[in-house]
Amino acid sequence: MQIPAQNALQKLREEHKLFAPLFQHGSLLVEVYKPHGQDHQTPHTRDEIYVVISGTGNFYLQGKIQTFQPGDFIFVPAFAEHRFQDFTDDFATWVFFFGPEGGEKEEA
């Protein structure tokens, strides 16, 4: 299975949405996300990973802010407060939700 980033972004444009589900297998759900102006998302009930497709900006995660750029991998545990901030107009990212509701248990 392959989904080119340009095809995923075209689906968003056609549906006039900020995010679109693209693939699901077992607990894995893959979406593409492209907010406009501000990121208003709230914490999610599952662990998630972002892989930045395009654009730059800052990422807020539970009180800490880090810059991001294309290709960056960002892990967010379930229920963590997070959002993209000060991002460029071309910002878009893959989103991978996985594991059980409540997130996976950390190994000791």
PDB file of N, CA and C in Angstrom:
ATOM      1  N   MET A   1       0.845  -1.181   0.000  1.00  0.00           N
ATOM      2  CA  MET A   1       0.000   0.000   0.000  1.00  0.00           C
ATOM      3  C   MET A   1       0.887   1.239   0.000  1.00  0.00           C
ATOM      4  N   GLN A   2       0.599   2.168  -0.872  1.00  0.00           N
ATOM      5  CA  GLN A   2       1.345   3.413  -0.936  1.00  0.00           C
ATOM      6  C   GLN A   2       0.363   4.558  -1.155  1.00  0.00           C
ATOM      7  N   ILE A   3       0.570   5.649  -0.414  1.00  0.00           N
ATOM      8  CA  ILE A   3      -0.245   6.852  -0.586  1.00  0.00           C
ATOM      9  C   ILE A   3       0.717   8.033  -0.731  1.00  0.00           C
ATOM     10  N   PRO A   4       0.897   8.530  -1.925  1.00  0.00           N
ATOM     11  CA  PRO A   4       1.754   9.705  -2.094  1.00  0.00           C
ATOM     12  C   PRO A   4       1.168  10.916  -1.355  1.00  0.00           C
ATOM     13  N   ALA A   5       2.041  11.726  -0.782  1.00  0.00           N
ATOM     14  CA  ALA A   5       1.598  12.901  -0.028  1.00  0.00           C
ATOM     15  C   ALA A   5       0.725  13.807  -0.891  1.00  0.00           C
ATOM     16  N   GLN A   6       1.069  13.975  -2.159  1.00  0.00           N
ATOM     17  CA  GLN A   6       0.285  14.855  -3.024  1.00  0.00           C
ATOM     18  C   GLN A   6      -1.144  14.345  -3.211  1.00  0.00           C
ATOM     19  N   ASN A   7      -1.325  13.024  -3.262  1.00  0.00           N
ATOM     20  CA  ASN A   7      -2.671  12.452  -3.366  1.00  0.00           C
ATOM     21  C   ASN A   7      -3.467  12.713  -2.088  1.00  0.00           C
ATOM     22  N   ALA A   8      -2.805  12.577  -0.941  1.00  0.00           N
ATOM     23  CA  ALA A   8      -3.472  12.825   0.347  1.00  0.00           C
ATOM     24  C   ALA A   8      -3.910  14.287   0.442  1.00  0.00           C
ATOM     25  N   LEU A   9      -3.039  15.198   0.048  1.00  0.00           N
ATOM     26  CA  LEU A   9      -3.367  16.628   0.108  1.00  0.00           C
ATOM     27  C   LEU A   9      -4.461  16.991  -0.904  1.00  0.00           C
ATOM     28  N   GLN A  10      -4.471  16.332  -2.046  1.00  0.00           N
ATOM     29  CA  GLN A  10      -5.528  16.564  -3.032  1.00  0.00           C
ATOM     30  C   GLN A  10      -6.886  16.152  -2.460  1.00  0.00           C
ATOM     31  N   LYS A  11      -6.925  15.052  -1.708  1.00  0.00           N
ATOM     32  CA  LYS A  11      -8.175  14.614  -1.080  1.00  0.00           C
ATOM     33  C   LYS A  11      -8.698  15.693  -0.117  1.00  0.00           C
ATOM     34  N   LEU A  12      -7.803  16.295   0.655  1.00  0.00           N
ATOM     35  CA  LEU A  12      -8.206  17.380   1.554  1.00  0.00           C
ATOM     36  C   LEU A  12      -8.817  18.542   0.775  1.00  0.00           C
ATOM     37  N   ARG A  13      -8.167  18.929  -0.316  1.00  0.00           N
ATOM     38  CA  ARG A  13      -8.667  20.046  -1.129  1.00  0.00           C
ATOM     39  C   ARG A  13     -10.049  19.730  -1.701  1.00  0.00           C
ATOM     40  N   GLU A  14     -10.228  18.519  -2.186  1.00  0.00           N
ATOM     41  CA  GLU A  14     -11.508  18.125  -2.784  1.00  0.00           C
ATOM     42  C   GLU A  14     -12.632  18.092  -1.750  1.00  0.00           C
ATOM     43  N   GLU A  15     -12.311  17.661  -0.515  1.00  0.00           N
ATOM     44  CA  GLU A  15     -13.323  17.525   0.529  1.00  0.00           C
ATOM     45  C   GLU A  15     -13.480  18.796   1.373  1.00  0.00           C
ATOM     46  N   HIS A  16     -12.600  19.780   1.151  1.00  0.00           N
ATOM     47  CA  HIS A  16     -12.638  21.047   1.898  1.00  0.00           C
ATOM     48  C   HIS A  16     -12.612  20.789   3.409  1.00  0.00           C
ATOM     49  N   LYS A  17     -11.668  19.934   3.849  1.00  0.00           N
ATOM     50  CA  LYS A  17     -11.540  19.589   5.261  1.00  0.00           C
ATOM     51  C   LYS A  17     -10.130  19.880   5.753  1.00  0.00           C
ATOM     52  N   LEU A  18      -9.975  19.888   7.078  1.00  0.00           N
ATOM     53  CA  LEU A  18      -8.649  20.067   7.690  1.00  0.00           C
ATOM     54  C   LEU A  18      -7.904  18.744   7.812  1.00  0.00           C
ATOM     55  N   PHE A  19      -8.641  17.642   7.920  1.00  0.00           N
ATOM     56  CA  PHE A  19      -8.011  16.324   8.013  1.00  0.00           C
ATOM     57  C   PHE A  19      -8.863  15.313   7.256  1.00  0.00           C
ATOM     58  N   ALA A  20      -8.210  14.221   6.863  1.00  0.00           N
ATOM     59  CA  ALA A  20      -8.926  13.165   6.160  1.00  0.00           C
ATOM     60  C   ALA A  20      -8.318  11.819   6.506  1.00  0.00           C
ATOM     61  N   PRO A  21      -9.142  10.849   6.901  1.00  0.00           N
ATOM     62  CA  PRO A  21      -8.652   9.494   7.099  1.00  0.00           C
ATOM     63  C   PRO A  21      -8.298   8.885   5.736  1.00  0.00           C
ATOM     64  N   LEU A  22      -7.171   8.171   5.695  1.00  0.00           N
ATOM     65  CA  LEU A  22      -6.692   7.628   4.429  1.00  0.00           C
ATOM     66  C   LEU A  22      -6.521   6.114   4.441  1.00  0.00           C
ATOM     67  N   PHE A  23      -6.248   5.549   5.626  1.00  0.00           N
ATOM     68  CA  PHE A  23      -5.932   4.120   5.692  1.00  0.00           C
ATOM     69  C   PHE A  23      -6.171   3.628   7.102  1.00  0.00           C
ATOM     70  N   GLN A  24      -6.683   2.397   7.221  1.00  0.00           N
ATOM     71  CA  GLN A  24      -6.836   1.781   8.539  1.00  0.00           C
ATOM     72  C   GLN A  24      -6.492   0.302   8.436  1.00  0.00           C
ATOM     73  N   HIS A  25      -5.753  -0.176   9.436  1.00  0.00           N
ATOM     74  CA  HIS A  25      -5.387  -1.587   9.529  1.00  0.00           C
ATOM     75  C   HIS A  25      -5.194  -1.906  11.002  1.00  0.00           C
ATOM     76  N   GLY A  26      -6.012  -2.807  11.545  1.00  0.00           N
ATOM     77  CA  GLY A  26      -5.931  -3.105  12.975  1.00  0.00           C
ATOM     78  C   GLY A  26      -6.143  -1.833  13.771  1.00  0.00           C
ATOM     79  N   SER A  27      -5.241  -1.559  14.705  1.00  0.00           N
ATOM     80  CA  SER A  27      -5.384  -0.353  15.527  1.00  0.00           C
ATOM     81  C   SER A  27      -4.830   0.899  14.847  1.00  0.00           C
ATOM     82  N   LEU A  28      -4.173   0.739  13.701  1.00  0.00           N
ATOM     83  CA  LEU A  28      -3.550   1.871  13.012  1.00  0.00           C
ATOM     84  C   LEU A  28      -4.568   2.631  12.163  1.00  0.00           C
ATOM     85  N   LEU A  29      -4.634   3.945  12.363  1.00  0.00           N
ATOM     86  CA  LEU A  29      -5.423   4.838  11.526  1.00  0.00           C
ATOM     87  C   LEU A  29      -4.484   5.925  11.020  1.00  0.00           C
ATOM     88  N   VAL A  30      -4.414   6.103   9.705  1.00  0.00           N
ATOM     89  CA  VAL A  30      -3.549   7.102   9.093  1.00  0.00           C
ATOM     90  C   VAL A  30      -4.424   8.203   8.506  1.00  0.00           C
ATOM     91  N   GLU A  31      -4.073   9.447   8.847  1.00  0.00           N
ATOM     92  CA  GLU A  31      -4.772  10.615   8.326  1.00  0.00           C
ATOM     93  C   GLU A  31      -3.753  11.600   7.784  1.00  0.00           C
ATOM     94  N   VAL A  32      -4.240  12.558   7.039  1.00  0.00           N
ATOM     95  CA  VAL A  32      -3.449  13.721   6.656  1.00  0.00           C
ATOM     96  C   VAL A  32      -4.144  14.916   7.302  1.00  0.00           C
ATOM     97  N   TYR A  33      -3.347  15.886   7.782  1.00  0.00           N
ATOM     98  CA  TYR A  33      -3.881  17.030   8.516  1.00  0.00           C
ATOM     99  C   TYR A  33      -3.217  18.303   8.022  1.00  0.00           C
ATOM    100  N   LYS A  34      -4.042  19.301   7.721  1.00  0.00           N
ATOM    101  CA  LYS A  34      -3.526  20.597   7.259  1.00  0.00           C
ATOM    102  C   LYS A  34      -4.414  21.701   7.829  1.00  0.00           C
ATOM    103  N   PRO A  35      -4.070  22.188   9.039  1.00  0.00           N
ATOM    104  CA  PRO A  35      -4.860  23.278   9.620  1.00  0.00           C
ATOM    105  C   PRO A  35      -4.585  24.594   8.887  1.00  0.00           C
ATOM    106  N   HIS A  36      -5.514  25.516   9.026  1.00  0.00           N
ATOM    107  CA  HIS A  36      -5.371  26.832   8.392  1.00  0.00           C
ATOM    108  C   HIS A  36      -5.339  27.902   9.478  1.00  0.00           C
ATOM    109  N   GLY A  37      -4.237  28.626   9.564  1.00  0.00           N
ATOM    110  CA  GLY A  37      -4.133  29.731  10.514  1.00  0.00           C
ATOM    111  C   GLY A  37      -3.796  29.304  11.928  1.00  0.00           C
ATOM    112  N   GLN A  38      -4.688  28.535  12.545  1.00  0.00           N
ATOM    113  CA  GLN A  38      -4.464  28.053  13.917  1.00  0.00           C
ATOM    114  C   GLN A  38      -4.840  26.580  14.013  1.00  0.00           C
ATOM    115  N   ASP A  39      -4.193  25.906  14.938  1.00  0.00           N
ATOM    116  CA  ASP A  39      -4.483  24.497  15.217  1.00  0.00           C
ATOM    117  C   ASP A  39      -5.340  24.453  16.473  1.00  0.00           C
ATOM    118  N   HIS A  40      -6.588  24.066  16.341  1.00  0.00           N
ATOM    119  CA  HIS A  40      -7.524  24.059  17.466  1.00  0.00           C
ATOM    120  C   HIS A  40      -7.760  22.659  18.037  1.00  0.00           C
ATOM    121  N   GLN A  41      -6.898  21.709  17.717  1.00  0.00           N
ATOM    122  CA  GLN A  41      -7.169  20.356  18.181  1.00  0.00           C
ATOM    123  C   GLN A  41      -7.048  20.232  19.698  1.00  0.00           C
ATOM    124  N   THR A  42      -7.740  19.254  20.234  1.00  0.00           N
ATOM    125  CA  THR A  42      -7.718  18.951  21.661  1.00  0.00           C
ATOM    126  C   THR A  42      -7.062  17.587  21.841  1.00  0.00           C
ATOM    127  N   PRO A  43      -6.688  17.218  23.071  1.00  0.00           N
ATOM    128  CA  PRO A  43      -6.033  15.924  23.278  1.00  0.00           C
ATOM    129  C   PRO A  43      -6.863  14.754  22.740  1.00  0.00           C
ATOM    130  N   HIS A  44      -6.152  13.733  22.301  1.00  0.00           N
ATOM    131  CA  HIS A  44      -6.770  12.537  21.734  1.00  0.00           C
ATOM    132  C   HIS A  44      -6.697  11.384  22.737  1.00  0.00           C
ATOM    133  N   THR A  45      -7.530  10.393  22.541  1.00  0.00           N
ATOM    134  CA  THR A  45      -7.608   9.266  23.480  1.00  0.00           C
ATOM    135  C   THR A  45      -6.657   8.124  23.132  1.00  0.00           C
ATOM    136  N   ARG A  46      -5.920   8.273  22.035  1.00  0.00           N
ATOM    137  CA  ARG A  46      -4.959   7.241  21.634  1.00  0.00           C
ATOM    138  C   ARG A  46      -3.599   7.888  21.405  1.00  0.00           C
ATOM    139  N   ASP A  47      -2.541   7.087  21.477  1.00  0.00           N
ATOM    140  CA  ASP A  47      -1.209   7.577  21.129  1.00  0.00           C
ATOM    141  C   ASP A  47      -1.207   7.966  19.657  1.00  0.00           C
ATOM    142  N   GLU A  48      -0.359   8.937  19.318  1.00  0.00           N
ATOM    143  CA  GLU A  48      -0.282   9.337  17.919  1.00  0.00           C
ATOM    144  C   GLU A  48       1.129   9.774  17.547  1.00  0.00           C
ATOM    145  N   ILE A  49       1.391   9.695  16.271  1.00  0.00           N
ATOM    146  CA  ILE A  49       2.663  10.125  15.700  1.00  0.00           C
ATOM    147  C   ILE A  49       2.347  11.070  14.552  1.00  0.00           C
ATOM    148  N   TYR A  50       3.103  12.147  14.472  1.00  0.00           N
ATOM    149  CA  TYR A  50       3.047  13.051  13.326  1.00  0.00           C
ATOM    150  C   TYR A  50       4.360  12.913  12.570  1.00  0.00           C
ATOM    151  N   VAL A  51       4.286  12.926  11.249  1.00  0.00           N
ATOM    152  CA  VAL A  51       5.465  13.046  10.398  1.00  0.00           C
ATOM    153  C   VAL A  51       5.158  14.211   9.466  1.00  0.00           C
ATOM    154  N   VAL A  52       5.930  15.266   9.614  1.00  0.00           N
ATOM    155  CA  VAL A  52       5.671  16.510   8.891  1.00  0.00           C
ATOM    156  C   VAL A  52       5.942  16.320   7.397  1.00  0.00           C
ATOM    157  N   ILE A  53       4.937  16.641   6.589  1.00  0.00           N
ATOM    158  CA  ILE A  53       5.062  16.570   5.130  1.00  0.00           C
ATOM    159  C   ILE A  53       5.731  17.827   4.602  1.00  0.00           C
ATOM    160  N   SER A  54       5.216  18.990   5.013  1.00  0.00           N
ATOM    161  CA  SER A  54       5.743  20.261   4.514  1.00  0.00           C
ATOM    162  C   SER A  54       5.497  21.357   5.536  1.00  0.00           C
ATOM    163  N   GLY A  55       6.257  22.425   5.402  1.00  0.00           N
ATOM    164  CA  GLY A  55       6.100  23.575   6.289  1.00  0.00           C
ATOM    165  C   GLY A  55       6.988  23.510   7.514  1.00  0.00           C
ATOM    166  N   THR A  56       7.027  24.626   8.213  1.00  0.00           N
ATOM    167  CA  THR A  56       7.807  24.747   9.441  1.00  0.00           C
ATOM    168  C   THR A  56       6.968  25.484  10.468  1.00  0.00           C
ATOM    169  N   GLY A  57       7.405  25.436  11.713  1.00  0.00           N
ATOM    170  CA  GLY A  57       6.708  26.133  12.779  1.00  0.00           C
ATOM    171  C   GLY A  57       7.156  25.624  14.128  1.00  0.00           C
ATOM    172  N   ASN A  58       6.273  25.776  15.113  1.00  0.00           N
ATOM    173  CA  ASN A  58       6.536  25.314  16.476  1.00  0.00           C
ATOM    174  C   ASN A  58       5.486  24.285  16.866  1.00  0.00           C
ATOM    175  N   PHE A  59       5.899  23.366  17.725  1.00  0.00           N
ATOM    176  CA  PHE A  59       4.985  22.353  18.226  1.00  0.00           C
ATOM    177  C   PHE A  59       4.955  22.444  19.741  1.00  0.00           C
ATOM    178  N   TYR A  60       3.756  22.629  20.292  1.00  0.00           N
ATOM    179  CA  TYR A  60       3.546  22.705  21.735  1.00  0.00           C
ATOM    180  C   TYR A  60       3.120  21.327  22.222  1.00  0.00           C
ATOM    181  N   LEU A  61       3.819  20.806  23.227  1.00  0.00           N
ATOM    182  CA  LEU A  61       3.475  19.532  23.837  1.00  0.00           C
ATOM    183  C   LEU A  61       3.649  19.651  25.345  1.00  0.00           C
ATOM    184  N   GLN A  62       2.535  19.695  26.049  1.00  0.00           N
ATOM    185  CA  GLN A  62       2.504  19.711  27.515  1.00  0.00           C
ATOM    186  C   GLN A  62       3.487  20.707  28.120  1.00  0.00           C
ATOM    187  N   GLY A  63       3.397  21.954  27.691  1.00  0.00           N
ATOM    188  CA  GLY A  63       4.206  23.009  28.278  1.00  0.00           C
ATOM    189  C   GLY A  63       5.551  23.249  27.626  1.00  0.00           C
ATOM    190  N   LYS A  64       5.947  22.404  26.676  1.00  0.00           N
ATOM    191  CA  LYS A  64       7.228  22.587  25.993  1.00  0.00           C
ATOM    192  C   LYS A  64       6.976  22.895  24.532  1.00  0.00           C
ATOM    193  N   ILE A  65       7.825  23.767  23.973  1.00  0.00           N
ATOM    194  CA  ILE A  65       7.699  24.147  22.567  1.00  0.00           C
ATOM    195  C   ILE A  65       9.004  23.827  21.848  1.00  0.00           C
ATOM    196  N   GLN A  66       8.862  23.158  20.686  1.00  0.00           N
ATOM    197  CA  GLN A  66      10.022  22.852  19.852  1.00  0.00           C
ATOM    198  C   GLN A  66       9.694  23.213  18.411  1.00  0.00           C
ATOM    199  N   THR A  67      10.713  23.561  17.644  1.00  0.00           N
ATOM    200  CA  THR A  67      10.507  23.849  16.229  1.00  0.00           C
ATOM    201  C   THR A  67      10.357  22.539  15.464  1.00  0.00           C
ATOM    202  N   PHE A  68       9.710  22.600  14.301  1.00  0.00           N
ATOM    203  CA  PHE A  68       9.610  21.433  13.438  1.00  0.00           C
ATOM    204  C   PHE A  68       9.838  21.847  11.992  1.00  0.00           C
ATOM    205  N   GLN A  69      10.176  20.857  11.174  1.00  0.00           N
ATOM    206  CA  GLN A  69      10.417  21.059   9.751  1.00  0.00           C
ATOM    207  C   GLN A  69      10.028  19.783   9.004  1.00  0.00           C
ATOM    208  N   PRO A  70       9.988  19.815   7.669  1.00  0.00           N
ATOM    209  CA  PRO A  70       9.607  18.627   6.914  1.00  0.00           C
ATOM    210  C   PRO A  70      10.463  17.416   7.283  1.00  0.00           C
ATOM    211  N   GLY A  71       9.797  16.281   7.412  1.00  0.00           N
ATOM    212  CA  GLY A  71      10.470  15.029   7.746  1.00  0.00           C
ATOM    213  C   GLY A  71      10.531  14.736   9.230  1.00  0.00           C
ATOM    214  N   ASP A  72      10.236  15.713  10.083  1.00  0.00           N
ATOM    215  CA  ASP A  72      10.321  15.492  11.529  1.00  0.00           C
ATOM    216  C   ASP A  72       9.254  14.506  12.003  1.00  0.00           C
ATOM    217  N   PHE A  73       9.633  13.703  12.979  1.00  0.00           N
ATOM    218  CA  PHE A  73       8.787  12.722  13.654  1.00  0.00           C
ATOM    219  C   PHE A  73       8.441  13.289  15.023  1.00  0.00           C
ATOM    220  N   ILE A  74       7.147  13.292  15.369  1.00  0.00           N
ATOM    221  CA  ILE A  74       6.712  13.817  16.661  1.00  0.00           C
ATOM    222  C   ILE A  74       5.775  12.794  17.300  1.00  0.00           C
ATOM    223  N   PHE A  75       6.109  12.322  18.501  1.00  0.00           N
ATOM    224  CA  PHE A  75       5.254  11.385  19.233  1.00  0.00           C
ATOM    225  C   PHE A  75       4.454  12.146  20.283  1.00  0.00           C
ATOM    226  N   VAL A  76       3.153  11.825  20.378  1.00  0.00           N
ATOM    227  CA  VAL A  76       2.276  12.437  21.369  1.00  0.00           C
ATOM    228  C   VAL A  76       1.520  11.325  22.092  1.00  0.00           C
ATOM    229  N   PRO A  77       1.728  11.189  23.407  1.00  0.00           N
ATOM    230  CA  PRO A  77       0.978  10.163  24.136  1.00  0.00           C
ATOM    231  C   PRO A  77      -0.503  10.538  24.269  1.00  0.00           C
ATOM    232  N   ALA A  78      -1.324   9.541  24.454  1.00  0.00           N
ATOM    233  CA  ALA A  78      -2.759   9.763  24.631  1.00  0.00           C
ATOM    234  C   ALA A  78      -2.999  10.784  25.739  1.00  0.00           C
ATOM    235  N   PHE A  79      -3.979  11.630  25.542  1.00  0.00           N
ATOM    236  CA  PHE A  79      -4.456  12.652  26.483  1.00  0.00           C
ATOM    237  C   PHE A  79      -3.498  13.829  26.683  1.00  0.00           C
ATOM    238  N   ALA A  80      -2.381  13.874  25.949  1.00  0.00           N
ATOM    239  CA  ALA A  80      -1.433  14.993  26.098  1.00  0.00           C
ATOM    240  C   ALA A  80      -1.939  16.228  25.362  1.00  0.00           C
ATOM    241  N   GLU A  81      -1.850  17.379  26.032  1.00  0.00           N
ATOM    242  CA  GLU A  81      -2.201  18.635  25.390  1.00  0.00           C
ATOM    243  C   GLU A  81      -1.123  18.980  24.366  1.00  0.00           C
ATOM    244  N   HIS A  82      -1.533  19.246  23.139  1.00  0.00           N
ATOM    245  CA  HIS A  82      -0.566  19.533  22.079  1.00  0.00           C
ATOM    246  C   HIS A  82      -1.228  20.318  20.957  1.00  0.00           C
ATOM    247  N   ARG A  83      -0.382  21.016  20.186  1.00  0.00           N
ATOM    248  CA  ARG A  83      -0.870  21.737  19.011  1.00  0.00           C
ATOM    249  C   ARG A  83       0.327  22.269  18.227  1.00  0.00           C
ATOM    250  N   PHE A  84       0.075  22.515  16.955  1.00  0.00           N
ATOM    251  CA  PHE A  84       1.059  23.173  16.099  1.00  0.00           C
ATOM    252  C   PHE A  84       0.815  24.677  16.206  1.00  0.00           C
ATOM    253  N   GLN A  85       1.913  25.450  16.267  1.00  0.00           N
ATOM    254  CA  GLN A  85       1.812  26.895  16.431  1.00  0.00           C
ATOM    255  C   GLN A  85       2.722  27.604  15.430  1.00  0.00           C
ATOM    256  N   ASP A  86       2.342  28.822  15.070  1.00  0.00           N
ATOM    257  CA  ASP A  86       3.196  29.676  14.232  1.00  0.00           C
ATOM    258  C   ASP A  86       3.713  28.943  12.996  1.00  0.00           C
ATOM    259  N   PHE A  87       2.850  28.169  12.356  1.00  0.00           N
ATOM    260  CA  PHE A  87       3.282  27.374  11.206  1.00  0.00           C
ATOM    261  C   PHE A  87       3.067  28.130   9.898  1.00  0.00           C
ATOM    262  N   THR A  88       3.856  27.758   8.905  1.00  0.00           N
ATOM    263  CA  THR A  88       3.767  28.373   7.585  1.00  0.00           C
ATOM    264  C   THR A  88       2.497  27.895   6.869  1.00  0.00           C
ATOM    265  N   ASP A  89       2.081  28.653   5.862  1.00  0.00           N
ATOM    266  CA  ASP A  89       0.848  28.332   5.135  1.00  0.00           C
ATOM    267  C   ASP A  89       0.897  26.964   4.448  1.00  0.00           C
ATOM    268  N   ASP A  90       2.086  26.488   4.125  1.00  0.00           N
ATOM    269  CA  ASP A  90       2.204  25.201   3.434  1.00  0.00           C
ATOM    270  C   ASP A  90       2.291  24.012   4.397  1.00  0.00           C
ATOM    271  N   PHE A  91       2.104  24.253   5.691  1.00  0.00           N
ATOM    272  CA  PHE A  91       2.221  23.160   6.664  1.00  0.00           C
ATOM    273  C   PHE A  91       1.179  22.070   6.419  1.00  0.00           C
ATOM    274  N   ALA A  92       1.642  20.821   6.435  1.00  0.00           N
ATOM    275  CA  ALA A  92       0.783  19.639   6.362  1.00  0.00           C
ATOM    276  C   ALA A  92       1.538  18.493   7.026  1.00  0.00           C
ATOM    277  N   THR A  93       0.802  17.545   7.599  1.00  0.00           N
ATOM    278  CA  THR A  93       1.450  16.439   8.292  1.00  0.00           C
ATOM    279  C   THR A  93       0.650  15.148   8.162  1.00  0.00           C
ATOM    280  N   TRP A  94       1.366  14.033   8.161  1.00  0.00           N
ATOM    281  CA  TRP A  94       0.736  12.731   8.328  1.00  0.00           C
ATOM    282  C   TRP A  94       0.405  12.590   9.808  1.00  0.00           C
ATOM    283  N   VAL A  95      -0.675  11.897  10.129  1.00  0.00           N
ATOM    284  CA  VAL A  95      -1.044  11.589  11.510  1.00  0.00           C
ATOM    285  C   VAL A  95      -1.279  10.086  11.591  1.00  0.00           C
ATOM    286  N   PHE A  96      -0.644   9.440  12.564  1.00  0.00           N
ATOM    287  CA  PHE A  96      -0.792   8.000  12.764  1.00  0.00           C
ATOM    288  C   PHE A  96      -1.329   7.764  14.175  1.00  0.00           C
ATOM    289  N   PHE A  97      -2.583   7.355  14.290  1.00  0.00           N
ATOM    290  CA  PHE A  97      -3.148   6.950  15.575  1.00  0.00           C
ATOM    291  C   PHE A  97      -2.948   5.446  15.694  1.00  0.00           C
ATOM    292  N   PHE A  98      -2.576   4.991  16.899  1.00  0.00           N
ATOM    293  CA  PHE A  98      -2.343   3.555  17.049  1.00  0.00           C
ATOM    294  C   PHE A  98      -2.564   3.128  18.493  1.00  0.00           C
ATOM    295  N   GLY A  99      -2.696   1.829  18.674  1.00  0.00           N
ATOM    296  CA  GLY A  99      -2.819   1.252  20.013  1.00  0.00           C
ATOM    297  C   GLY A  99      -4.217   1.416  20.589  1.00  0.00           C
ATOM    298  N   PRO A 100      -4.352   1.002  21.836  1.00  0.00           N
ATOM    299  CA  PRO A 100      -5.663   1.015  22.482  1.00  0.00           C
ATOM    300  C   PRO A 100      -6.069   2.403  22.959  1.00  0.00           C
ATOM    301  N   GLU A 101      -7.371   2.562  23.218  1.00  0.00           N
ATOM    302  CA  GLU A 101      -7.864   3.774  23.866  1.00  0.00           C
ATOM    303  C   GLU A 101      -7.105   3.936  25.183  1.00  0.00           C
ATOM    304  N   GLY A 102      -6.676   5.149  25.497  1.00  0.00           N
ATOM    305  CA  GLY A 102      -5.911   5.401  26.708  1.00  0.00           C
ATOM    306  C   GLY A 102      -4.421   5.305  26.510  1.00  0.00           C
ATOM    307  N   GLY A 103      -3.982   4.855  25.339  1.00  0.00           N
ATOM    308  CA  GLY A 103      -2.556   4.760  25.045  1.00  0.00           C
ATOM    309  C   GLY A 103      -1.933   3.460  25.487  1.00  0.00           C
ATOM    310  N   GLU A 104      -0.746   3.201  24.990  1.00  0.00           N
ATOM    311  CA  GLU A 104      -0.011   1.996  25.357  1.00  0.00           C
ATOM    312  C   GLU A 104       0.697   2.215  26.696  1.00  0.00           C
ATOM    313  N   LYS A 105       0.887   1.162  27.407  1.00  0.00           N
ATOM    314  CA  LYS A 105       1.581   1.208  28.703  1.00  0.00           C
ATOM    315  C   LYS A 105       3.082   1.383  28.454  1.00  0.00           C
ATOM    316  N   GLU A 106       3.706   2.232  29.270  1.00  0.00           N
ATOM    317  CA  GLU A 106       5.168   2.378  29.183  1.00  0.00           C
ATOM    318  C   GLU A 106       5.824   1.182  29.825  1.00  0.00           C
ATOM    319  N   GLU A 107       6.903   0.706  29.200  1.00  0.00           N
ATOM    320  CA  GLU A 107       7.644  -0.430  29.765  1.00  0.00           C
ATOM    321  C   GLU A 107       8.572   0.065  30.860  1.00  0.00           C
ATOM    322  N   ALA A 108       8.712  -0.724  31.883  1.00  0.00           N
ATOM    323  CA  ALA A 108       9.557  -0.351  33.037  1.00  0.00           C
ATOM    324  C   ALA A 108      11.021  -0.511  32.734  1.00  0.00           C
TER     325      ALA A 108
END
